[in-house]
Amino acid sequence: QVQLVESGGGLVQAGDSLRLSCAASGRTFSNSFIGWFRQAPGKEREFVGAIRWSGDSTYYADSMKGRFIISRDNAKNTVYLQMNSLKPEDTAVYFCAARYYTLSYRAEGYDYWGQGTQVTVSS
């Protein structure tokens, strides 16, 4: 059983940086992709980016490239989402999710989800 736990959210000001963590446990992740999604009130869940657990391949939504960086610490079984130059429109609940073998840019493609962490960016 896969478990994902996000942490690191909070209230920040526009222009600040924040790093979210996704601690993974319960199953080998060597053939998995870990994705980050976000969901603002009244909006659909949006793909932010993903990382392949084996290797260093990362994938980002076009609108996230340059400000958001995904990385991984294998020793800690943790994936990070570094968010820079935050804007009020980045305010959302951020989720990490896992799927195996192939990459998906769609929330429906992920089988395992964390509970989410709130990020609020004030102007």
Protein backbone atom coordinates (compact mmCIF):
# COMPACT_ATOMS: atom_id res chain seq x y z
CA GLN A 1 0.00 0.00 0.00
CA VAL A 2 1.44 3.33 -1.07
CA GLN A 3 1.32 6.25 1.32
CA LEU A 4 2.14 9.82 0.37
CA VAL A 5 2.33 12.65 2.87
CA GLU A 6 2.78 16.26 1.81
CA SER A 7 4.17 18.97 4.05
CA GLY A 8 5.63 22.44 3.83
CA GLY A 9 2.63 24.51 2.85
CA GLY A 10 1.77 27.80 4.47
CA LEU A 11 1.07 31.49 4.04
CA VAL A 12 3.69 33.48 2.17
CA GLN A 13 3.93 36.81 0.39
CA ALA A 14 4.16 37.34 -3.33
CA GLY A 15 7.73 36.90 -4.49
CA ASP A 16 8.63 34.46 -1.72
CA SER A 17 9.81 30.88 -2.16
CA LEU A 18 8.46 27.72 -0.59
CA ARG A 19 9.50 24.08 -0.70
CA LEU A 20 6.94 21.34 -0.41
CA SER A 21 7.83 17.78 0.52
CA CYS A 22 6.18 14.51 -0.39
CA ALA A 23 7.24 11.60 1.79
CA ALA A 24 6.56 8.25 0.14
CA SER A 25 6.31 4.86 1.81
CA GLY A 26 4.79 1.43 1.58
CA ARG A 27 6.10 0.07 -1.72
CA THR A 28 9.12 0.21 -3.95
CA PHE A 29 9.05 3.30 -6.11
CA SER A 30 11.74 2.34 -8.57
CA ASN A 31 9.27 2.11 -11.48
CA SER A 32 7.10 5.04 -10.49
CA PHE A 33 6.43 8.60 -11.43
CA ILE A 34 5.63 11.11 -8.70
CA GLY A 35 3.47 13.99 -9.84
CA TRP A 36 2.60 17.29 -8.24
CA PHE A 37 -0.83 18.77 -8.81
CA ARG A 38 -2.64 21.77 -7.44
CA GLN A 39 -6.26 22.70 -7.04
CA ALA A 40 -7.59 26.18 -6.41
CA PRO A 41 -11.14 26.76 -5.14
CA GLY A 42 -13.68 26.20 -7.90
CA LYS A 43 -11.06 24.94 -10.35
CA GLU A 44 -10.00 21.57 -11.64
CA ARG A 45 -6.92 19.83 -10.37
CA GLU A 46 -3.97 21.06 -12.43
CA PHE A 47 -0.74 19.29 -13.34
CA VAL A 48 2.33 21.07 -12.01
CA GLY A 49 5.07 18.61 -12.83
CA ALA A 50 6.42 15.13 -12.26
CA ILE A 51 9.63 13.25 -11.69
CA ARG A 52 10.63 9.76 -12.60
CA TRP A 53 11.81 7.96 -9.49
CA SER A 54 14.64 6.16 -11.28
CA GLY A 55 16.88 8.69 -12.95
CA ASP A 56 16.56 12.45 -13.00
CA SER A 57 13.91 13.05 -15.62
CA THR A 58 11.50 15.81 -14.74
CA TYR A 59 8.44 17.07 -16.57
CA TYR A 60 6.60 20.35 -16.10
CA ALA A 61 3.47 22.07 -17.25
CA ASP A 62 4.49 24.87 -19.58
CA SER A 63 3.17 27.52 -17.20
CA MET A 64 5.30 26.14 -14.36
CA LYS A 65 8.63 25.94 -16.15
CA GLY A 66 11.28 28.22 -14.74
CA ARG A 67 9.68 28.90 -11.36
CA PHE A 68 8.97 25.41 -10.07
CA ILE A 69 11.59 22.71 -9.64
CA ILE A 70 11.01 19.08 -8.69
CA SER A 71 13.74 17.02 -7.09
CA ARG A 72 14.10 13.77 -5.20
CA ASP A 73 16.05 12.41 -2.25
CA ASN A 74 16.16 8.63 -2.57
CA ALA A 75 17.66 8.12 0.87
CA LYS A 76 14.66 9.87 2.42
CA ASN A 77 12.09 8.54 -0.07
CA THR A 78 11.00 12.12 -0.50
CA VAL A 79 10.16 14.27 -3.50
CA TYR A 80 10.32 18.04 -3.30
CA LEU A 81 8.59 20.86 -5.11
CA GLN A 82 10.59 24.06 -4.93
CA MET A 83 8.41 27.05 -5.78
CA ASN A 84 10.04 30.40 -6.47
CA SER A 85 8.71 33.88 -7.18
CA LEU A 86 5.31 32.89 -5.90
CA LYS A 87 2.25 34.75 -7.11
CA PRO A 88 -1.22 35.08 -5.61
CA GLU A 89 -2.53 32.90 -8.43
CA ASP A 90 -0.35 30.06 -7.12
CA THR A 91 -2.68 29.84 -4.13
CA ALA A 92 -4.07 26.30 -4.04
CA VAL A 93 -3.98 22.98 -2.30
CA TYR A 94 -0.94 21.11 -3.57
CA PHE A 95 -1.01 17.33 -3.88
CA CYS A 96 1.56 14.72 -4.71
CA ALA A 97 0.51 11.54 -6.45
CA ALA A 98 2.09 8.33 -7.71
CA ARG A 99 1.62 6.07 -10.68
CA TYR A 100 3.70 3.23 -12.06
CA TYR A 101 5.53 2.56 -15.32
CA THR A 102 4.39 5.47 -17.50
CA LEU A 103 4.07 9.21 -17.14
CA SER A 104 0.70 10.93 -17.09
CA TYR A 105 -0.13 14.61 -17.15
CA ARG A 106 -3.69 13.96 -16.00
CA ALA A 107 -4.89 13.62 -12.45
CA GLU A 108 -7.05 10.68 -13.49
CA GLY A 109 -3.89 8.80 -14.40
CA TYR A 110 -2.57 8.63 -10.85
CA ASP A 111 -3.47 5.84 -8.47
CA TYR A 112 -2.18 7.10 -5.15
CA TRP A 113 -2.63 10.51 -3.58
CA GLY A 114 -1.55 12.43 -0.53
CA GLN A 115 -3.91 14.52 1.53
CA GLY A 116 -2.66 17.82 0.16
CA THR A 117 -1.06 20.89 1.71
CA GLN A 118 -2.42 24.43 1.48
CA VAL A 119 -0.31 27.15 -0.07
CA THR A 120 -1.60 30.71 0.22
CA VAL A 121 0.21 33.59 -1.44
CA SER A 122 -0.77 37.07 -0.35
CA SER A 123 -0.28 40.11 -2.54
